[in-house]
N, C-alpha and C. Protein backbone atom coordinates (compact mmCIF):
# COMPACT_ATOMS: atom_id res chain seq x y z
N MET A 1 -9.22 -3.11 4.87
CA MET A 1 -8.18 -4.47 4.57
C MET A 1 -7.15 -4.30 4.33
N GLN A 2 -6.44 -4.20 5.38
CA GLN A 2 -4.43 -3.89 4.65
C GLN A 2 -3.98 -4.53 5.19
N CYS A 3 -2.95 -4.84 4.77
CA CYS A 3 -2.02 -6.06 5.33
C CYS A 3 -1.45 -6.04 6.89
N GLN A 4 -1.86 -5.04 7.87
CA GLN A 4 -1.82 -5.35 9.03
C GLN A 4 -3.38 -6.40 9.24
N GLY A 5 -4.33 -6.42 8.86
CA GLY A 5 -5.29 -7.78 9.13
C GLY A 5 -5.19 -8.80 8.49
N CYS A 6 -4.59 -8.72 7.21
CA CYS A 6 -4.06 -10.27 6.57
C CYS A 6 -3.55 -11.58 6.64
N ARG A 7 -3.69 -12.45 6.87
CA ARG A 7 -2.83 -13.79 7.10
C ARG A 7 -1.49 -14.01 7.11
N PHE A 8 -1.26 -13.12 6.13
CA PHE A 8 -0.47 -14.11 5.08
C PHE A 8 1.24 -13.06 5.41
N TRP A 9 0.64 -11.40 6.51
CA TRP A 9 1.05 -10.34 7.06
C TRP A 9 2.47 -10.25 7.67
N PHE A 10 3.97 -11.01 8.08
CA PHE A 10 4.42 -10.77 9.34
C PHE A 10 5.08 -9.85 9.75
N SER A 11 4.53 -8.72 10.95
CA SER A 11 4.55 -7.93 11.37
C SER A 11 6.16 -7.69 11.63
N SER A 12 6.78 -8.45 12.49
CA SER A 12 7.78 -8.70 13.18
C SER A 12 9.67 -8.05 11.51
N LYS A 13 9.08 -8.79 10.46
CA LYS A 13 9.47 -8.23 9.24
C LYS A 13 8.79 -6.90 8.10
N THR A 14 7.61 -6.89 8.50
CA THR A 14 6.58 -6.33 7.95
C THR A 14 6.76 -6.91 6.36
N GLN A 15 6.91 -8.06 6.66
CA GLN A 15 6.49 -9.31 5.40
C GLN A 15 5.80 -9.87 4.50
N CYS A 16 5.47 -9.71 3.42
CA CYS A 16 4.12 -10.12 2.57
C CYS A 16 4.23 -11.23 1.83
N ARG A 17 3.85 -13.00 2.73
CA ARG A 17 4.15 -13.78 2.64
C ARG A 17 3.08 -14.73 1.95
N ARG A 18 2.32 -13.45 0.70
CA ARG A 18 1.31 -14.59 0.34
C ARG A 18 2.08 -15.85 -1.02
N ASN A 19 2.66 -14.40 -1.55
CA ASN A 19 3.66 -15.63 -3.08
C ASN A 19 5.37 -15.89 -2.29
N ALA A 20 5.78 -16.57 -3.85
CA ALA A 20 7.55 -17.26 -3.81
C ALA A 20 7.99 -15.37 -2.88
N PRO A 21 8.83 -15.74 -2.41
CA PRO A 21 10.04 -14.86 -2.63
C PRO A 21 10.69 -14.10 -4.34
N LEU A 22 10.99 -13.42 -4.08
CA LEU A 22 11.57 -12.93 -5.69
C LEU A 22 12.88 -12.80 -5.65
N PRO A 23 13.27 -12.86 -6.21
CA PRO A 23 14.87 -13.05 -6.24
C PRO A 23 15.60 -11.75 -6.29
N ALA A 24 16.78 -11.19 -6.07
CA ALA A 24 17.21 -10.20 -6.33
C ALA A 24 18.78 -10.23 -6.32
N VAL A 25 19.10 -9.34 -7.38
CA VAL A 25 20.49 -9.03 -7.35
C VAL A 25 22.10 -8.27 -6.48
N SER A 26 22.42 -8.44 -6.34
CA SER A 26 23.18 -6.87 -6.52
C SER A 26 24.83 -7.35 -6.40
N GLU A 27 25.84 -6.54 -5.42
CA GLU A 27 26.74 -6.29 -5.89
C GLU A 27 27.76 -7.55 -5.18
N LYS A 28 26.50 -8.09 -3.82
CA LYS A 28 27.01 -9.11 -2.78
C LYS A 28 26.82 -10.39 -3.85
N GLY A 29 25.68 -10.10 -4.39
CA GLY A 29 25.68 -11.56 -5.35
C GLY A 29 23.88 -11.82 -5.70
N SER A 30 23.99 -12.58 -4.96
CA SER A 30 22.15 -13.11 -5.44
C SER A 30 22.31 -13.45 -3.89
N GLN A 31 20.04 -12.82 -3.80
CA GLN A 31 19.40 -13.83 -2.93
C GLN A 31 18.04 -13.76 -3.46
N THR A 32 16.84 -14.48 -2.47
CA THR A 32 15.93 -14.45 -2.84
C THR A 32 15.70 -13.17 -1.36
N LEU A 33 13.79 -12.61 -2.12
CA LEU A 33 12.85 -11.70 -0.76
C LEU A 33 11.68 -11.98 -0.75
N TRP A 34 11.17 -11.46 1.08
CA TRP A 34 9.50 -11.36 0.96
C TRP A 34 9.84 -9.69 0.22
N PRO A 35 8.62 -9.84 0.12
CA PRO A 35 8.31 -8.49 -0.45
C PRO A 35 8.31 -7.79 0.98
N THR A 36 8.80 -6.32 1.04
CA THR A 36 8.53 -6.15 1.77
C THR A 36 7.46 -4.11 1.73
N THR A 37 6.01 -4.64 3.27
CA THR A 37 4.83 -3.81 2.95
C THR A 37 4.93 -3.18 4.25
N ALA A 38 3.80 -1.61 4.33
CA ALA A 38 3.65 -1.38 5.59
C ALA A 38 2.49 -1.69 5.81
N ALA A 39 2.15 -1.50 6.95
CA ALA A 39 1.56 -2.51 7.75
C ALA A 39 -0.77 -1.79 7.39
N ASP A 40 -0.16 -0.60 6.37
CA ASP A 40 -1.66 0.13 6.62
C ASP A 40 -1.97 -0.01 4.10
N ASP A 41 -0.38 -0.70 4.14
CA ASP A 41 -0.80 -1.06 2.11
C ASP A 41 -1.82 -2.72 2.74
N TRP A 42 -2.53 -2.11 1.02
CA TRP A 42 -3.02 -3.39 1.18
C TRP A 42 -3.44 -3.47 -0.68
N CYS A 43 -3.42 -5.06 -0.87
CA CYS A 43 -3.93 -4.85 -2.35
C CYS A 43 -5.09 -6.66 -2.42
N GLY A 44 -5.24 -7.00 -3.42
CA GLY A 44 -6.41 -8.32 -3.58
C GLY A 44 -6.09 -9.17 -3.56
N GLU A 45 -5.09 -9.96 -2.54
CA GLU A 45 -5.22 -10.66 -1.45
C GLU A 45 -4.80 -10.86 -0.40
N PHE A 46 -5.69 -9.95 0.20
CA PHE A 46 -6.08 -9.76 1.56
C PHE A 46 -7.16 -11.21 1.87
N GLN A 47 -6.46 -12.11 3.06
CA GLN A 47 -7.33 -12.79 3.70
C GLN A 47 -7.00 -12.82 5.72
N PRO A 48 -8.31 -12.39 5.75
CA PRO A 48 -8.40 -12.10 6.76
C PRO A 48 -7.83 -12.90 8.50
N LYS A 49 -6.96 -13.01 8.69
CA LYS A 49 -5.82 -13.27 10.44
C LYS A 49 -6.65 -14.13 10.89
N VAL A 50 -6.24 -15.33 11.42
CA VAL A 50 -7.13 -16.41 12.05
C VAL A 50 -6.93 -16.65 13.11
N THR A 51 -7.64 -16.34 14.20
CA THR A 51 -7.68 -16.12 15.68
C THR A 51 -8.18 -17.04 16.53
N ASP A 52 -7.40 -17.11 17.64
CA ASP A 52 -7.77 -19.00 18.43
C ASP A 52 -9.39 -19.28 18.30
N GLU A 53 -9.81 -17.76 18.71
CA GLU A 53 -11.36 -17.81 18.80
C GLU A 53 -12.28 -18.62 17.73
N LYS A 54 -11.55 -18.35 16.17
CA LYS A 54 -12.10 -18.36 15.35
C LYS A 54 -12.00 -19.76 14.64
N ALA A 55 -10.65 -19.89 15.60
CA ALA A 55 -10.97 -21.77 14.65
C ALA A 55 -11.61 -22.30 15.16
N ALA A 56 -11.81 -22.34 16.57
CA ALA A 56 -11.85 -22.70 17.47
C ALA A 56 -14.09 -22.56 17.23
N ALA A 57 -14.77 -22.06 16.36
CA ALA A 57 -15.54 -22.39 16.46
C ALA A 57 -15.81 -23.06 14.54
């Protein structure tokens, strides 16, 4: 049950989108960012990705 198999993980940006983005402030200003995670990270919010095959069942 790692990020790479979770429905909330976007591999193209290595971001977890389970919760709302977090505020971040720097010298360039403020913005909101999704948490960056590695493919082999994990958490207690894991939900398996839904594939077309599973959705059809």
